[in-house]
């Protein structure tokens, strides 16, 4: 039994001796590759948002002014609509009742950026439907935008309703 334990100890020490530790040169090379990869990823994510929206012009745009009602509802005033020949409507108010988690969260993210820069909350946001079918919402003051497609079809549908209902008429309650 002693021979077995001695031989197993020898084989494990032989394996450890066969593996060389990472050298300083290898470490520097891996660090350089990681820094370059991080720099490239940062560049691509920061520059791709503006490039993507420019590649596909907007088919439909509307400006939205967001307010919270005293009962917690979200009031969205849609402005700059094409005037309706029958009613001459150039703005309307859409009311969204209930939790409205994605809508509320998206608007809060954009409003937070304004608040950090001490900008007014009265300026509109721009909701745009692009030729490739994407929906984007952009803050007209900070020029920060959110590509809504990234959040899946159920969440895109929330903003698609705003586009659809604003084209239908002013009496829409969600």
Protein backbone atom coordinates (compact mmCIF):
# COMPACT_ATOMS: atom_id res chain seq x y z
CA UNK A 1 0.00 0.00 0.00
CA UNK A 2 2.89 2.32 0.64
CA UNK A 3 4.20 1.75 -2.86
CA UNK A 4 0.83 2.68 -4.36
CA UNK A 5 0.59 5.92 -2.41
CA UNK A 6 4.16 6.82 -3.27
CA UNK A 7 3.65 6.18 -6.98
CA UNK A 8 0.43 8.24 -7.06
CA UNK A 9 2.24 11.11 -5.38
CA UNK A 10 5.02 10.90 -7.94
CA UNK A 11 2.63 11.02 -10.89
CA UNK A 12 0.79 14.05 -9.58
CA UNK A 13 4.04 15.89 -8.94
CA UNK A 14 5.23 14.97 -12.43
CA UNK A 15 2.09 16.58 -13.93
CA UNK A 16 2.59 19.75 -11.96
CA UNK A 17 6.16 19.96 -13.06
CA UNK A 18 5.11 19.49 -16.70
CA UNK A 19 2.81 22.53 -16.70
CA UNK A 20 4.58 25.81 -16.94
CA UNK A 21 3.08 28.83 -15.23
CA UNK A 22 1.92 31.71 -17.40
CA UNK A 23 4.81 33.94 -18.25
CA UNK A 24 4.89 37.70 -18.03
CA UNK A 25 5.02 37.90 -21.82
CA UNK A 26 1.86 35.77 -22.18
CA UNK A 27 0.08 37.81 -19.54
CA UNK A 28 0.89 41.08 -21.32
CA UNK A 29 -0.28 39.66 -24.65
CA UNK A 30 -3.61 38.50 -23.16
CA UNK A 31 -4.09 41.86 -21.44
CA UNK A 32 -3.44 43.73 -24.70
CA UNK A 33 -5.94 41.53 -26.57
CA UNK A 34 -8.60 42.11 -23.89
CA UNK A 35 -8.07 45.89 -23.95
CA UNK A 36 -8.28 45.99 -27.75
CA UNK A 37 -11.44 43.86 -27.74
CA UNK A 38 -13.06 46.08 -25.10
CA UNK A 39 -12.10 49.22 -27.01
CA UNK A 40 -13.53 47.84 -30.25
CA UNK A 41 -16.78 46.73 -28.58
CA UNK A 42 -17.17 50.16 -26.95
CA UNK A 43 -16.55 51.93 -30.26
CA UNK A 44 -19.06 49.76 -32.10
CA UNK A 45 -21.83 50.14 -29.51
CA UNK A 46 -21.37 53.90 -29.18
CA UNK A 47 -21.22 54.64 -32.90
CA UNK A 48 -23.72 52.10 -34.22
CA UNK A 49 -26.85 53.82 -32.84
CA UNK A 50 -26.48 56.93 -34.97
CA UNK A 51 -25.29 54.95 -38.00
CA UNK A 52 -28.27 52.57 -37.81
CA UNK A 53 -30.93 55.26 -37.75
CA UNK A 54 -29.28 57.11 -40.63
CA UNK A 55 -29.19 53.97 -42.79
CA UNK A 56 -32.97 53.65 -42.77
CA UNK A 57 -34.88 56.93 -42.92
CA UNK A 58 -38.07 57.34 -40.94
CA UNK A 59 -41.36 56.64 -42.67
CA UNK A 60 -43.35 58.20 -39.87
CA UNK A 61 -42.28 60.53 -37.06
CA UNK A 62 -44.19 62.13 -34.25
CA UNK A 63 -43.27 64.21 -31.25
CA UNK A 64 -44.49 63.12 -27.85
CA UNK A 65 -44.80 65.23 -24.72
CA UNK A 66 -45.10 63.07 -21.64
CA UNK A 67 -46.93 64.00 -18.43
CA UNK A 68 -48.10 62.10 -15.38
CA UNK A 69 -51.72 62.61 -14.40
CA UNK A 70 -52.64 63.10 -10.74
CA UNK A 71 -54.12 59.56 -10.64
CA UNK A 72 -50.89 57.99 -11.96
CA UNK A 73 -51.93 57.64 -15.59
CA UNK A 74 -49.44 58.48 -18.32
CA UNK A 75 -50.63 61.28 -20.59
CA UNK A 76 -48.90 61.44 -23.96
CA UNK A 77 -49.56 64.51 -26.07
CA UNK A 78 -48.86 63.67 -29.69
CA UNK A 79 -47.93 66.74 -31.74
CA UNK A 80 -46.90 67.46 -35.31
CA UNK A 81 -49.39 65.05 -36.81
CA UNK A 82 -50.38 65.60 -40.39
CA UNK A 83 -53.49 67.72 -40.12
CA UNK A 84 -56.62 65.70 -40.54
CA UNK A 85 -58.67 67.27 -43.29
CA UNK A 86 -61.94 66.57 -41.45
CA UNK A 87 -61.05 67.74 -37.95
CA UNK A 88 -57.86 69.78 -38.43
CA UNK A 89 -56.28 67.97 -35.43
CA UNK A 90 -52.58 68.70 -35.03
CA UNK A 91 -52.23 67.31 -31.52
CA UNK A 92 -54.03 64.85 -29.29
CA UNK A 93 -53.70 63.34 -25.83
CA UNK A 94 -53.42 59.60 -25.29
CA UNK A 95 -54.05 58.22 -21.80
CA UNK A 96 -52.37 55.03 -20.59
CA UNK A 97 -53.81 53.67 -17.33
CA UNK A 98 -52.46 50.97 -15.08
CA UNK A 99 -48.90 49.84 -14.48
CA UNK A 100 -47.55 50.20 -18.05
CA UNK A 101 -44.17 48.87 -16.94
CA UNK A 102 -42.21 49.03 -20.20
CA UNK A 103 -43.68 52.35 -21.32
CA UNK A 104 -43.08 53.94 -17.93
CA UNK A 105 -39.58 52.45 -17.62
CA UNK A 106 -38.50 53.62 -21.08
CA UNK A 107 -39.75 57.14 -20.51
CA UNK A 108 -38.11 57.29 -17.07
CA UNK A 109 -34.77 56.26 -18.58
CA UNK A 110 -34.96 59.13 -21.06
CA UNK A 111 -36.19 61.57 -18.40
CA UNK A 112 -33.33 60.57 -16.08
CA UNK A 113 -30.81 61.70 -18.70
CA UNK A 114 -32.55 65.10 -18.88
CA UNK A 115 -32.61 65.39 -15.12
CA UNK A 116 -28.87 64.62 -14.87
CA UNK A 117 -28.19 67.46 -17.32
CA UNK A 118 -30.66 69.87 -15.64
CA UNK A 119 -32.77 70.13 -18.81
CA UNK A 120 -36.46 70.91 -19.02
CA UNK A 121 -38.99 68.10 -19.06
CA UNK A 122 -41.29 70.00 -21.43
CA UNK A 123 -39.41 69.27 -24.66
CA UNK A 124 -40.81 66.46 -26.83
CA UNK A 125 -39.46 63.00 -27.51
CA UNK A 126 -39.46 61.78 -31.11
CA UNK A 127 -41.04 58.42 -31.92
CA UNK A 128 -40.05 57.17 -35.37
CA UNK A 129 -40.96 54.19 -37.54
CA UNK A 130 -38.08 53.43 -39.91
CA UNK A 131 -38.13 51.82 -43.37
CA UNK A 132 -36.71 48.59 -41.96
CA UNK A 133 -39.64 48.31 -39.51
CA UNK A 134 -37.74 49.42 -36.42
CA UNK A 135 -39.24 51.79 -33.88
CA UNK A 136 -37.00 54.26 -32.08
CA UNK A 137 -37.65 56.89 -29.46
CA UNK A 138 -35.19 59.77 -29.20
CA UNK A 139 -34.87 62.64 -26.76
CA UNK A 140 -34.87 65.83 -28.82
CA UNK A 141 -32.76 67.64 -26.21
CA UNK A 142 -30.01 65.11 -25.49
CA UNK A 143 -30.18 63.27 -28.84
CA UNK A 144 -30.07 59.99 -26.88
CA UNK A 145 -32.25 57.31 -28.39
CA UNK A 146 -33.53 53.84 -27.69
CA UNK A 147 -33.98 51.23 -30.40
CA UNK A 148 -37.16 49.61 -29.16
CA UNK A 149 -36.68 46.42 -31.23
CA UNK A 150 -34.04 45.33 -28.72
CA UNK A 151 -36.76 44.70 -26.12
CA UNK A 152 -38.83 42.21 -28.09
CA UNK A 153 -42.14 42.30 -29.94
CA UNK A 154 -44.39 42.59 -26.89
CA UNK A 155 -42.64 45.74 -25.73
CA UNK A 156 -42.44 47.21 -29.24
CA UNK A 157 -46.20 46.75 -29.47
CA UNK A 158 -46.67 49.29 -26.66
CA UNK A 159 -45.11 52.04 -28.77
CA UNK A 160 -46.66 50.72 -31.99
CA UNK A 161 -50.05 51.34 -30.33
CA UNK A 162 -49.08 54.98 -29.87
CA UNK A 163 -48.31 55.25 -33.58
CA UNK A 164 -51.49 53.45 -34.59
CA UNK A 165 -53.87 55.17 -32.18
CA UNK A 166 -52.52 58.63 -32.89
CA UNK A 167 -53.32 58.09 -36.57
CA UNK A 168 -56.88 56.95 -35.73
CA UNK A 169 -58.07 59.80 -33.60
CA UNK A 170 -58.00 61.68 -30.32
CA UNK A 171 -60.34 59.48 -28.24
CA UNK A 172 -58.05 56.64 -27.19
CA UNK A 173 -57.75 55.28 -23.65
CA UNK A 174 -55.52 52.30 -22.85
